[in-house]
PDB file of N, CA and C in Angstrom:
ATOM      1  N   MET A   1      72.983  59.408 129.523  1.00  0.00           N
ATOM      2  CA  MET A   1      72.416  59.191 128.219  1.00  0.00           C
ATOM      3  C   MET A   1      71.986  60.512 127.593  1.00  0.00           C
ATOM      4  N   MET A   2      71.372  61.357 128.424  1.00  0.00           N
ATOM      5  CA  MET A   2      70.898  62.645 127.929  1.00  0.00           C
ATOM      6  C   MET A   2      72.067  63.534 127.518  1.00  0.00           C
ATOM      7  N   SER A   3      73.158  63.483 128.279  1.00  0.00           N
ATOM      8  CA  SER A   3      74.324  64.308 127.950  1.00  0.00           C
ATOM      9  C   SER A   3      74.970  63.843 126.645  1.00  0.00           C
ATOM     10  N   LEU A   4      74.906  62.539 126.355  1.00  0.00           N
ATOM     11  CA  LEU A   4      75.438  62.025 125.100  1.00  0.00           C
ATOM     12  C   LEU A   4      74.650  62.571 123.916  1.00  0.00           C
ATOM     13  N   LEU A   5      73.340  62.566 124.018  1.00  0.00           N
ATOM     14  CA  LEU A   5      72.502  63.106 122.949  1.00  0.00           C
ATOM     15  C   LEU A   5      72.713  64.611 122.780  1.00  0.00           C
ATOM     16  N   LEU A   6      72.864  65.304 123.878  1.00  0.00           N
ATOM     17  CA  LEU A   6      73.082  66.738 123.824  1.00  0.00           C
ATOM     18  C   LEU A   6      74.417  67.074 123.168  1.00  0.00           C
ATOM     19  N   SER A   7      75.467  66.328 123.515  1.00  0.00           N
ATOM     20  CA  SER A   7      76.781  66.587 122.924  1.00  0.00           C
ATOM     21  C   SER A   7      76.794  66.253 121.434  1.00  0.00           C
ATOM     22  N   LEU A   8      76.076  65.214 121.026  1.00  0.00           N
ATOM     23  CA  LEU A   8      75.984  64.879 119.604  1.00  0.00           C
ATOM     24  C   LEU A   8      75.223  65.957 118.834  1.00  0.00           C
ATOM     25  N   ALA A   9      74.189  66.482 119.436  1.00  0.00           N
ATOM     26  CA  ALA A   9      73.408  67.524 118.785  1.00  0.00           C
ATOM     27  C   ALA A   9      74.229  68.808 118.633  1.00  0.00           C
ATOM     28  N   LEU A  10      75.006  69.161 119.653  1.00  0.00           N
ATOM     29  CA  LEU A  10      75.856  70.351 119.565  1.00  0.00           C
ATOM     30  C   LEU A  10      76.974  70.173 118.550  1.00  0.00           C
ATOM     31  N   ALA A  11      77.521  68.989 118.450  1.00  0.00           N
ATOM     32  CA  ALA A  11      78.590  68.726 117.486  1.00  0.00           C
ATOM     33  C   ALA A  11      78.063  68.815 116.057  1.00  0.00           C
ATOM     34  N   ALA A  12      76.842  68.377 115.841  1.00  0.00           N
ATOM     35  CA  ALA A  12      76.265  68.414 114.499  1.00  0.00           C
ATOM     36  C   ALA A  12      75.950  69.850 114.081  1.00  0.00           C
ATOM     37  N   THR A  13      75.500  70.688 114.994  1.00  0.00           N
ATOM     38  CA  THR A  13      75.164  72.064 114.638  1.00  0.00           C
ATOM     39  C   THR A  13      76.404  72.946 114.579  1.00  0.00           C
ATOM     40  N   GLY A  14      77.467  72.590 115.240  1.00  0.00           N
ATOM     41  CA  GLY A  14      78.684  73.395 115.259  1.00  0.00           C
ATOM     42  C   GLY A  14      79.405  73.387 113.924  1.00  0.00           C
ATOM     43  N   SER A  15      79.295  72.338 113.138  1.00  0.00           N
ATOM     44  CA  SER A  15      80.018  72.260 111.867  1.00  0.00           C
ATOM     45  C   SER A  15      79.358  73.116 110.786  1.00  0.00           C
ATOM     46  N   ASP A  16      78.096  73.498 110.960  1.00  0.00           N
ATOM     47  CA  ASP A  16      77.399  74.298 109.957  1.00  0.00           C
ATOM     48  C   ASP A  16      77.792  75.779 110.015  1.00  0.00           C
ATOM     49  N   THR A  17      78.393  76.212 111.099  1.00  0.00           N
ATOM     50  CA  THR A  17      78.700  77.634 111.269  1.00  0.00           C
ATOM     51  C   THR A  17      80.139  77.966 110.881  1.00  0.00           C
ATOM     52  N   ALA A  18      80.713  77.230 109.939  1.00  0.00           N
ATOM     53  CA  ALA A  18      82.091  77.482 109.515  1.00  0.00           C
ATOM     54  C   ALA A  18      82.165  78.822 108.783  1.00  0.00           C
ATOM     55  N   GLN A  19      83.199  79.600 109.083  1.00  0.00           N
ATOM     56  CA  GLN A  19      83.387  80.906 108.459  1.00  0.00           C
ATOM     57  C   GLN A  19      84.034  80.727 107.090  1.00  0.00           C
ATOM     58  N   PRO A  20      83.590  81.488 106.075  1.00  0.00           N
ATOM     59  CA  PRO A  20      84.248  81.408 104.769  1.00  0.00           C
ATOM     60  C   PRO A  20      85.632  82.044 104.850  1.00  0.00           C
ATOM     61  N   ALA A  21      86.533  81.558 104.028  1.00  0.00           N
ATOM     62  CA  ALA A  21      87.906  82.065 104.049  1.00  0.00           C
ATOM     63  C   ALA A  21      87.947  83.483 103.494  1.00  0.00           C
ATOM     64  N   LYS A  22      88.769  84.338 104.108  1.00  0.00           N
ATOM     65  CA  LYS A  22      88.911  85.709 103.643  1.00  0.00           C
ATOM     66  C   LYS A  22      89.820  85.731 102.421  1.00  0.00           C
ATOM     67  N   PRO A  23      89.532  86.618 101.469  1.00  0.00           N
ATOM     68  CA  PRO A  23      90.440  86.716 100.325  1.00  0.00           C
ATOM     69  C   PRO A  23      91.772  87.327 100.770  1.00  0.00           C
ATOM     70  N   ALA A  24      92.834  86.914 100.136  1.00  0.00           N
ATOM     71  CA  ALA A  24      94.167  87.394 100.509  1.00  0.00           C
ATOM     72  C   ALA A  24      94.324  88.850 100.085  1.00  0.00           C
ATOM     73  N   LYS A  25      94.924  89.652 100.965  1.00  0.00           N
ATOM     74  CA  LYS A  25      95.174  91.051 100.642  1.00  0.00           C
ATOM     75  C   LYS A  25      96.372  91.143  99.707  1.00  0.00           C
ATOM     76  N   PRO A  26      96.331  92.066  98.745  1.00  0.00           N
ATOM     77  CA  PRO A  26      97.491  92.213  97.870  1.00  0.00           C
ATOM     78  C   PRO A  26      98.675  92.792  98.641  1.00  0.00           C
ATOM     79  N   LYS A  27      99.859  92.347  98.289  1.00  0.00           N
ATOM     80  CA  LYS A  27     101.061  92.797  98.982  1.00  0.00           C
ATOM     81  C   LYS A  27     101.393  94.220  98.552  1.00  0.00           C
ATOM     82  N   LYS A  28     101.716  95.069  99.527  1.00  0.00           N
ATOM     83  CA  LYS A  28     102.046  96.458  99.248  1.00  0.00           C
ATOM     84  C   LYS A  28     103.548  96.662  99.314  1.00  0.00           C
ATOM     85  N   VAL A  29     104.016  97.567  98.449  1.00  0.00           N
ATOM     86  CA  VAL A  29     105.414  97.967  98.443  1.00  0.00           C
ATOM     87  C   VAL A  29     105.440  99.463  98.728  1.00  0.00           C
ATOM     88  N   CYS A  30     106.162  99.860  99.769  1.00  0.00           N
ATOM     89  CA  CYS A  30     106.234 101.270 100.146  1.00  0.00           C
ATOM     90  C   CYS A  30     107.671 101.748  99.992  1.00  0.00           C
ATOM     91  N   GLU A  31     107.807 103.014  99.578  1.00  0.00           N
ATOM     92  CA  GLU A  31     109.127 103.612  99.473  1.00  0.00           C
ATOM     93  C   GLU A  31     109.059 105.053  99.953  1.00  0.00           C
ATOM     94  N   LYS A  32     110.172 105.540 100.443  1.00  0.00           N
ATOM     95  CA  LYS A  32     110.252 106.919 100.911  1.00  0.00           C
ATOM     96  C   LYS A  32     110.922 107.747  99.829  1.00  0.00           C
ATOM     97  N   ILE A  33     110.274 108.844  99.450  1.00  0.00           N
ATOM     98  CA  ILE A  33     110.794 109.738  98.427  1.00  0.00           C
ATOM     99  C   ILE A  33     111.128 111.057  99.092  1.00  0.00           C
ATOM    100  N   GLU A  34     112.363 111.499  98.922  1.00  0.00           N
ATOM    101  CA  GLU A  34     112.781 112.773  99.490  1.00  0.00           C
ATOM    102  C   GLU A  34     112.453 113.878  98.498  1.00  0.00           C
ATOM    103  N   MET A  35     111.645 114.812  98.937  1.00  0.00           N
ATOM    104  CA  MET A  35     111.234 115.931  98.098  1.00  0.00           C
ATOM    105  C   MET A  35     112.164 117.103  98.363  1.00  0.00           C
ATOM    106  N   SER A  36     112.487 117.848  97.316  1.00  0.00           N
ATOM    107  CA  SER A  36     113.324 119.028  97.519  1.00  0.00           C
ATOM    108  C   SER A  36     112.499 120.093  98.229  1.00  0.00           C
ATOM    109  N   GLY A  37     113.139 120.806  99.139  1.00  0.00           N
ATOM    110  CA  GLY A  37     112.441 121.833  99.907  1.00  0.00           C
ATOM    111  C   GLY A  37     111.782 121.308 101.166  1.00  0.00           C
ATOM    112  N   SER A  38     111.958 120.042 101.466  1.00  0.00           N
ATOM    113  CA  SER A  38     111.349 119.466 102.659  1.00  0.00           C
ATOM    114  C   SER A  38     112.321 118.485 103.296  1.00  0.00           C
ATOM    115  N   ASN A  39     112.394 118.500 104.612  1.00  0.00           N
ATOM    116  CA  ASN A  39     113.244 117.555 105.322  1.00  0.00           C
ATOM    117  C   ASN A  39     112.522 116.247 105.623  1.00  0.00           C
ATOM    118  N   VAL A  40     111.213 116.230 105.446  1.00  0.00           N
ATOM    119  CA  VAL A  40     110.412 115.055 105.756  1.00  0.00           C
ATOM    120  C   VAL A  40     110.178 114.263 104.466  1.00  0.00           C
ATOM    121  N   PRO A  41     110.648 113.007 104.402  1.00  0.00           N
ATOM    122  CA  PRO A  41     110.416 112.218 103.192  1.00  0.00           C
ATOM    123  C   PRO A  41     108.943 111.840 103.060  1.00  0.00           C
ATOM    124  N   LYS A  42     108.492 111.736 101.829  1.00  0.00           N
ATOM    125  CA  LYS A  42     107.106 111.371 101.549  1.00  0.00           C
ATOM    126  C   LYS A  42     107.053 109.862 101.335  1.00  0.00           C
ATOM    127  N   ARG A  43     106.079 109.207 101.946  1.00  0.00           N
ATOM    128  CA  ARG A  43     105.920 107.758 101.833  1.00  0.00           C
ATOM    129  C   ARG A  43     104.888 107.460 100.756  1.00  0.00           C
ATOM    130  N   VAL A  44     105.288 106.666  99.758  1.00  0.00           N
ATOM    131  CA  VAL A  44     104.404 106.303  98.660  1.00  0.00           C
ATOM    132  C   VAL A  44     104.264 104.790  98.648  1.00  0.00           C
ATOM    133  N   CYS A  45     103.015 104.306  98.720  1.00  0.00           N
ATOM    134  CA  CYS A  45     102.752 102.867  98.730  1.00  0.00           C
ATOM    135  C   CYS A  45     101.933 102.486  97.514  1.00  0.00           C
ATOM    136  N   ARG A  46     102.187 101.284  96.999  1.00  0.00           N
ATOM    137  CA  ARG A  46     101.432 100.743  95.873  1.00  0.00           C
ATOM    138  C   ARG A  46     101.419  99.233  96.002  1.00  0.00           C
ATOM    139  N   THR A  47     100.535  98.589  95.259  1.00  0.00           N
ATOM    140  CA  THR A  47     100.527  97.130  95.262  1.00  0.00           C
ATOM    141  C   THR A  47     101.577  96.639  94.276  1.00  0.00           C
ATOM    142  N   VAL A  48     101.927  95.367  94.370  1.00  0.00           N
ATOM    143  CA  VAL A  48     102.965  94.807  93.518  1.00  0.00           C
ATOM    144  C   VAL A  48     102.530  94.841  92.054  1.00  0.00           C
ATOM    145  N   THR A  49     101.249  94.676  91.776  1.00  0.00           N
ATOM    146  CA  THR A  49     100.774  94.619  90.399  1.00  0.00           C
ATOM    147  C   THR A  49     100.670  95.991  89.749  1.00  0.00           C
ATOM    148  N   GLU A  50     100.627  97.068  90.533  1.00  0.00           N
ATOM    149  CA  GLU A  50     100.525  98.412  89.967  1.00  0.00           C
ATOM    150  C   GLU A  50     101.867  98.866  89.415  1.00  0.00           C
ATOM    151  N   GLN A  51     101.806  99.656  88.355  1.00  0.00           N
ATOM    152  CA  GLN A  51     103.012 100.257  87.806  1.00  0.00           C
ATOM    153  C   GLN A  51     103.393 101.454  88.663  1.00  0.00           C
ATOM    154  N   PRO A  52     104.686 101.690  88.879  1.00  0.00           N
ATOM    155  CA  PRO A  52     105.066 102.863  89.673  1.00  0.00           C
ATOM    156  C   PRO A  52     104.729 104.150  88.936  1.00  0.00           C
ATOM    157  N   LYS A  53     104.146 105.096  89.646  1.00  0.00           N
ATOM    158  CA  LYS A  53     103.772 106.375  89.055  1.00  0.00           C
ATOM    159  C   LYS A  53     104.974 107.309  89.112  1.00  0.00           C
ATOM    160  N   PRO A  54     105.174 108.103  88.074  1.00  0.00           N
ATOM    161  CA  PRO A  54     106.295 109.051  88.133  1.00  0.00           C
ATOM    162  C   PRO A  54     106.029 110.121  89.184  1.00  0.00           C
ATOM    163  N   THR A  55     107.080 110.518  89.857  1.00  0.00           N
ATOM    164  CA  THR A  55     106.933 111.540  90.884  1.00  0.00           C
ATOM    165  C   THR A  55     106.833 112.912  90.225  1.00  0.00           C
ATOM    166  N   ASP A  56     106.393 113.904  90.976  1.00  0.00           N
ATOM    167  CA  ASP A  56     106.268 115.255  90.447  1.00  0.00           C
ATOM    168  C   ASP A  56     107.627 115.809  90.030  1.00  0.00           C
ATOM    169  N   GLU A  57     108.651 115.514  90.816  1.00  0.00           N
ATOM    170  CA  GLU A  57     109.978 116.019  90.494  1.00  0.00           C
ATOM    171  C   GLU A  57     110.502 115.390  89.207  1.00  0.00           C
ATOM    172  N   ALA A  58     110.223 114.118  88.994  1.00  0.00           N
ATOM    173  CA  ALA A  58     110.678 113.461  87.773  1.00  0.00           C
ATOM    174  C   ALA A  58     109.966 114.055  86.557  1.00  0.00           C
ATOM    175  N   ALA A  59     108.687 114.344  86.699  1.00  0.00           N
ATOM    176  CA  ALA A  59     107.945 114.938  85.588  1.00  0.00           C
ATOM    177  C   ALA A  59     108.461 116.343  85.291  1.00  0.00           C
ATOM    178  N   ARG A  60     108.809 117.094  86.338  1.00  0.00           N
ATOM    179  CA  ARG A  60     109.334 118.442  86.141  1.00  0.00           C
ATOM    180  C   ARG A  60     110.703 118.409  85.468  1.00  0.00           C
ATOM    181  N   SER A  61     111.537 117.465  85.854  1.00  0.00           N
ATOM    182  CA  SER A  61     112.880 117.408  85.278  1.00  0.00           C
ATOM    183  C   SER A  61     112.836 116.992  83.814  1.00  0.00           C
ATOM    184  N   GLU A  62     111.849 116.189  83.427  1.00  0.00           N
ATOM    185  CA  GLU A  62     111.726 115.803  82.034  1.00  0.00           C
ATOM    186  C   GLU A  62     111.235 116.952  81.166  1.00  0.00           C
ATOM    187  N   SER A  63     110.448 117.850  81.743  1.00  0.00           N
ATOM    188  CA  SER A  63     109.899 118.950  80.960  1.00  0.00           C
ATOM    189  C   SER A  63     110.883 120.101  80.807  1.00  0.00           C
ATOM    190  N   LYS A  64     111.943 120.147  81.616  1.00  0.00           N
ATOM    191  CA  LYS A  64     112.935 121.206  81.513  1.00  0.00           C
ATOM    192  C   LYS A  64     113.818 120.973  80.293  1.00  0.00           C
ATOM    193  N   PRO A  65     114.180 122.033  79.603  1.00  0.00           N
ATOM    194  CA  PRO A  65     115.089 121.851  78.462  1.00  0.00           C
ATOM    195  C   PRO A  65     116.494 121.503  78.954  1.00  0.00           C
ATOM    196  N   ALA A  66     117.232 120.803  78.134  1.00  0.00           N
ATOM    197  CA  ALA A  66     118.587 120.406  78.505  1.00  0.00           C
ATOM    198  C   ALA A  66     119.481 121.645  78.515  1.00  0.00           C
ATOM    199  N   PRO A  67     120.460 121.700  79.421  1.00  0.00           N
ATOM    200  CA  PRO A  67     121.352 122.853  79.449  1.00  0.00           C
ATOM    201  C   PRO A  67     122.207 122.888  78.195  1.00  0.00           C
ATOM    202  N   THR A  68     122.514 124.103  77.726  1.00  0.00           N
ATOM    203  CA  THR A  68     123.272 124.263  76.496  1.00  0.00           C
ATOM    204  C   THR A  68     124.755 124.071  76.716  1.00  0.00           C
ATOM    205  N   GLY A  69     125.224 124.153  77.921  1.00  0.00           N
ATOM    206  CA  GLY A  69     126.635 123.958  78.208  1.00  0.00           C
ATOM    207  C   GLY A  69     127.384 125.271  78.307  1.00  0.00           C
ATOM    208  N   ALA A  70     126.767 126.351  77.914  1.00  0.00           N
ATOM    209  CA  ALA A  70     127.432 127.664  77.994  1.00  0.00           C
ATOM    210  C   ALA A  70     127.314 128.185  79.415  1.00  0.00           C
ATOM    211  N   THR A  71     128.404 128.689  79.936  1.00  0.00           N
ATOM    212  CA  THR A  71     128.397 129.271  81.274  1.00  0.00           C
ATOM    213  C   THR A  71     128.770 130.746  81.181  1.00  0.00           C
ATOM    214  N   ASN A  72     128.393 131.496  82.152  1.00  0.00           N
ATOM    215  CA  ASN A  72     128.703 132.921  82.145  1.00  0.00           C
ATOM    216  C   ASN A  72     129.951 133.211  82.862  1.00  0.00           C
TER     217      ASN A  72
END
C-alpha cells in the first residue's frame, strides 16, 4: 500500500519538470572560395536568410577599369 502511494506521488511530481522545447537553429549554407595566391580554399558560412556578401576578389574586379582591347 505504501509503495502504491509513493509511486503515485513520484508520478505526479515527475510531470512538472518537463523541459521547454529548444528553438530551432537556422540552417547554415557553407561554400569554399578559392582565393588567388593561396592553395587553401576559404570556407564562408551564412544562414539561408542572409544575403550572400560579395567576396574581396569580386569587389576588386568590379573596381578595375575594363581593358581597352589594345595590345602591345
